[in-house]
Protein backbone atom coordinates (compact mmCIF):
# COMPACT_ATOMS: atom_id res chain seq x y z
CA MET A 1 -86.18 68.26 21.41
CA PRO A 2 -87.84 64.97 22.25
CA PHE A 3 -86.71 63.54 18.90
CA ARG A 4 -83.17 64.81 19.42
CA GLU A 5 -83.06 63.32 22.92
CA THR A 6 -84.30 60.00 21.56
CA LEU A 7 -81.50 59.90 19.01
CA LEU A 8 -78.98 60.72 21.73
CA ASN A 9 -80.27 57.95 23.97
CA ILE A 10 -80.10 55.47 21.10
CA ALA A 11 -76.53 56.53 20.34
CA ILE A 12 -75.49 56.24 23.98
CA THR A 13 -77.13 52.81 24.24
CA GLY A 14 -75.35 51.62 21.09
CA VAL A 15 -71.98 52.78 22.41
CA LEU A 16 -72.58 51.01 25.74
CA VAL A 17 -73.55 47.78 23.94
CA LEU A 18 -70.42 48.03 21.78
CA ILE A 19 -68.21 48.60 24.84
CA ILE A 20 -69.76 45.65 26.69
CA THR A 21 -69.29 43.42 23.63
CA LEU A 22 -65.63 44.41 23.23
CA VAL A 23 -64.95 43.78 26.92
CA ALA A 24 -66.56 40.33 26.71
CA ILE A 25 -64.43 39.44 23.68
CA LEU A 26 -61.23 40.60 25.40
CA VAL A 27 -62.04 38.61 28.55
CA LYS A 28 -62.74 35.46 26.51
CA GLU A 29 -59.52 35.74 24.52
CA SER A 30 -57.46 36.32 27.66
CA ARG A 31 -58.52 32.96 29.18
CA PRO A 32 -55.98 30.13 28.72
CA ALA A 33 -57.03 27.35 26.37
CA PRO A 34 -58.10 24.17 28.17
CA VAL A 35 -55.31 21.57 28.44
CA ALA A 36 -55.98 18.39 26.47
CA ALA A 37 -56.48 15.36 28.67
CA ILE A 38 -53.55 12.91 28.71
CA PRO A 39 -54.78 9.38 27.95
CA VAL A 40 -53.98 6.96 30.74
CA GLY A 41 -52.98 3.53 29.55
CA LYS A 42 -53.91 0.36 31.36
CA ALA A 43 -51.06 -0.68 33.63
CA ALA A 44 -49.34 -3.87 32.54
CA ALA A 45 -49.44 -6.65 35.10
CA ALA A 46 -46.05 -7.34 36.62
CA THR A 47 -44.85 -10.84 35.87
CA MET A 48 -42.10 -12.88 37.44
CA THR A 49 -41.15 -16.46 36.79
CA ALA A 50 -39.15 -18.74 39.02
CA ASN A 51 -36.02 -18.24 36.91
CA SER A 52 -36.52 -14.56 35.97
CA ALA A 53 -33.63 -13.39 38.14
CA ALA A 54 -31.23 -16.19 37.17
CA ALA A 55 -28.12 -15.48 35.13
CA PRO A 56 -26.60 -18.09 32.79
CA LYS A 57 -23.46 -19.84 33.92
CA ALA A 58 -20.19 -19.27 32.09
CA GLU A 59 -19.77 -22.96 31.28
CA PHE A 60 -22.14 -25.75 30.37
CA GLU A 61 -23.20 -28.21 33.04
CA VAL A 62 -23.34 -31.74 31.62
CA PHE A 63 -25.92 -34.37 32.55
CA PRO A 64 -24.96 -37.62 30.78
CA LYS A 65 -27.91 -39.75 31.92
CA ALA A 66 -30.87 -37.48 31.24
CA ARG A 67 -34.24 -39.01 30.42
CA LEU A 68 -37.28 -37.77 28.57
CA VAL A 69 -40.44 -37.32 30.61
CA LEU A 70 -43.45 -38.13 28.47
CA SER A 71 -45.87 -35.21 28.33
CA LYS A 72 -48.60 -34.05 25.97
CA ASN A 73 -46.97 -30.62 26.03
CA ASN A 74 -43.63 -31.84 24.69
CA GLU A 75 -42.70 -30.38 21.32
CA GLY A 76 -39.84 -31.08 18.96
CA ASP A 77 -37.72 -28.32 20.49
CA THR A 78 -39.18 -28.05 24.01
CA LEU A 79 -39.08 -31.08 26.30
CA ARG A 80 -39.70 -32.06 29.89
CA ILE A 81 -36.56 -33.82 31.11
CA LEU A 82 -35.39 -35.59 34.25
CA LEU A 83 -31.69 -34.77 34.53
CA ASP A 84 -30.91 -37.18 37.37
CA GLU A 85 -32.16 -38.25 40.78
CA GLN A 86 -30.91 -35.01 42.37
CA HIS A 87 -33.00 -32.71 40.17
CA ASP A 88 -36.72 -32.22 39.65
CA GLU A 89 -38.23 -32.53 36.20
CA THR A 90 -37.26 -29.48 34.17
CA ILE A 91 -38.40 -28.11 30.82
CA PHE A 92 -35.69 -27.27 28.30
CA THR A 93 -35.86 -25.48 24.95
CA LEU A 94 -33.19 -26.23 22.37
CA TYR A 95 -30.71 -23.62 21.24
CA PHE A 96 -30.59 -22.83 17.50
CA VAL A 97 -33.75 -24.53 16.22
CA ASP A 98 -37.48 -23.91 16.14
CA THR A 99 -39.90 -26.72 15.36
CA PRO A 100 -43.52 -26.11 14.29
CA GLU A 101 -46.00 -25.52 17.08
CA ILE A 102 -48.43 -28.29 18.10
CA THR A 103 -51.26 -26.01 19.30
CA LEU A 104 -52.63 -22.53 18.65
CA THR A 105 -51.53 -21.31 22.08
CA HIS A 106 -49.25 -18.78 20.34
CA PRO A 107 -51.21 -17.86 17.19
CA GLN A 108 -48.76 -15.20 16.00
CA LEU A 109 -45.91 -17.71 16.05
CA VAL A 110 -48.02 -20.25 14.15
CA GLN A 111 -48.79 -17.60 11.52
CA GLU A 112 -45.11 -16.72 11.22
CA GLN A 113 -44.14 -20.38 10.85
CA ALA A 114 -46.83 -20.86 8.19
CA ARG A 115 -45.35 -17.98 6.19
CA TYR A 116 -41.81 -19.33 6.57
CA PHE A 117 -42.61 -22.89 5.54
CA GLN A 118 -45.23 -21.70 3.01
CA ILE A 119 -47.95 -23.96 4.38
CA SER A 120 -51.30 -23.47 6.11
CA GLN A 121 -51.68 -23.06 9.87
CA ASP A 122 -53.33 -26.49 10.09
CA GLU A 123 -50.31 -27.97 8.33
CA VAL A 124 -48.03 -26.21 10.81
CA LEU A 125 -49.78 -28.02 13.66
CA LYS A 126 -49.58 -31.31 11.75
CA ALA A 127 -45.85 -30.82 11.15
CA GLY A 128 -45.39 -29.91 14.81
CA LEU A 129 -46.97 -33.18 15.93
CA GLU A 130 -44.74 -35.09 13.52
CA ALA A 131 -41.63 -33.35 14.90
CA ALA A 132 -42.71 -34.05 18.49
CA GLY A 133 -43.42 -37.69 17.61
CA TYR A 134 -40.00 -38.07 16.02
CA VAL A 135 -38.22 -36.74 19.10
CA THR A 136 -40.34 -38.83 21.46
CA SER A 137 -39.61 -42.05 19.56
CA LEU A 138 -35.93 -41.16 19.46
CA LEU A 139 -35.49 -40.39 23.15
CA LYS A 140 -38.15 -42.23 25.14
CA ASP A 141 -36.27 -45.52 25.55
CA ARG A 142 -32.73 -44.25 26.00
CA THR A 143 -30.61 -41.95 28.10
CA PHE A 144 -29.00 -38.95 26.47
CA THR A 145 -26.74 -36.04 27.37
CA LEU A 146 -28.27 -32.70 28.30
CA LEU A 147 -25.97 -29.69 28.38
CA THR A 148 -27.14 -26.41 29.87
CA ARG A 149 -25.81 -23.11 31.18
CA TRP A 150 -29.15 -22.62 32.95
CA GLU A 151 -29.96 -19.71 30.67
CA PRO A 152 -33.64 -18.88 31.26
CA VAL A 153 -36.13 -18.55 28.43
CA PRO A 154 -37.70 -15.07 28.84
CA ASP A 155 -41.09 -15.11 30.59
CA ARG A 156 -41.12 -18.90 30.73
CA SER A 157 -40.33 -21.39 33.49
CA ARG A 158 -37.78 -23.21 31.36
CA TYR A 159 -34.15 -23.09 30.28
CA TYR A 160 -32.16 -23.31 27.08
CA GLY A 161 -30.06 -26.40 26.47
CA LEU A 162 -28.39 -28.73 24.01
CA ILE A 163 -29.12 -32.44 23.67
CA MET A 164 -26.63 -35.01 22.41
CA VAL A 165 -27.83 -38.45 21.31
CA ASP A 166 -25.77 -41.61 20.90
CA MET A 167 -25.95 -42.55 17.22
CA GLU A 168 -23.70 -44.43 14.86
CA PRO A 169 -20.83 -43.60 14.60
CA GLY A 170 -20.98 -41.35 17.69
CA LYS A 171 -22.82 -38.61 19.55
CA VAL A 172 -24.85 -36.11 17.51
CA TYR A 173 -26.77 -33.02 18.49
CA LEU A 174 -30.55 -33.28 18.40
CA ALA A 175 -30.59 -29.95 16.53
CA ASP A 176 -28.62 -31.62 13.70
CA LEU A 177 -31.17 -34.41 13.45
CA LEU A 178 -34.17 -32.08 13.48
CA MET A 179 -32.73 -29.95 10.69
CA GLN A 180 -31.61 -32.99 8.73
CA LYS A 181 -35.05 -34.60 8.93
CA GLY A 182 -36.85 -31.39 7.93
CA HIS A 183 -38.53 -30.97 11.32
CA ALA A 184 -37.11 -27.55 12.20
CA ARG A 185 -35.77 -24.25 10.98
CA LEU A 186 -32.79 -22.25 12.14
CA ALA A 187 -34.19 -19.78 14.68
CA GLY A 188 -34.12 -18.84 18.33
CA LEU A 189 -31.17 -18.32 20.62
CA SER A 190 -27.66 -19.47 19.66
CA CYS A 191 -24.48 -20.14 21.60
CA ASP A 192 -20.92 -21.32 21.16
CA LEU A 193 -20.78 -25.08 21.45
CA PRO A 194 -19.39 -26.54 24.68
CA GLY A 195 -15.61 -26.58 24.85
CA ARG A 196 -15.49 -23.86 22.16
CA VAL A 197 -15.23 -26.61 19.55
CA GLN A 198 -17.33 -24.50 17.19
CA GLY A 199 -18.62 -20.95 17.36
CA ALA A 200 -22.30 -20.07 17.17
CA ALA A 201 -22.01 -18.56 13.67
CA ASP A 202 -20.16 -21.55 12.18
CA TYR A 203 -22.52 -24.08 13.73
CA GLY A 204 -25.49 -22.03 12.59
CA ARG A 205 -24.24 -22.13 9.00
CA TYR A 206 -23.81 -25.88 9.29
CA LEU A 207 -27.41 -26.27 10.49
CA LEU A 208 -28.61 -23.99 7.71
CA ASP A 209 -26.94 -26.26 5.15
CA LEU A 210 -28.67 -29.28 6.69
CA GLY A 211 -31.97 -27.43 6.41
CA LYS A 212 -31.39 -26.63 2.74
CA GLU A 213 -30.66 -30.31 2.04
CA ALA A 214 -33.89 -31.33 3.78
CA ARG A 215 -35.85 -28.77 1.80
CA ASN A 216 -34.40 -29.91 -1.52
CA ALA A 217 -35.12 -33.54 -0.60
CA LYS A 218 -38.65 -32.59 0.59
CA ARG A 219 -38.26 -34.15 4.02
CA GLY A 220 -40.47 -33.49 7.01
CA VAL A 221 -42.36 -30.21 6.85
CA TRP A 222 -40.93 -29.56 3.37
CA SER A 223 -42.87 -32.57 2.06
CA LEU A 224 -46.19 -30.83 2.68
CA PRO A 225 -47.82 -29.32 -0.43
């Protein structure tokens, strides 16, 4: 009898252990899986420029006696300009054209320009200084016409505009001269010319042809190895 009772106790104990184990497994499986944590990104800083809320005018405003303000930050396509005595100095970026950068302030743009012109980044900066020097020598001692719709450049305290220069036999757009001299490429924002004399697409094709001529003649940035 003692041996039989021992076997019975062992059997009962085994059954109890099995029951407890099964209950534990069922309880574990019935719990909901933990929810994965949602990564929280760093909030972007809100930015607002002085002209961020401005809308461009329907027509161009013409300033026939604008003057260049000499500045180390002037580039071939971005210039500090005094429109007249009624306006403060204002920075304008040209429609249609993009000249090489003069600093590494925007490294991604410099890299992109280097790929386009097929030159090194150092040569981009060199070409940018040449373009800025050309524009400075052209405009510093004369008045010129600035035309603008006060269209703001995104995230910048500046506006888009067109510049017309008195040349023989008449007025010519600065964008024409930059493309013709090999100091720029066709890029950036476009617009119909004032007075609807030429649409943006047609004028863009004209500038592109000037750029091809400059490239074939190895002028400006196209003269670099």
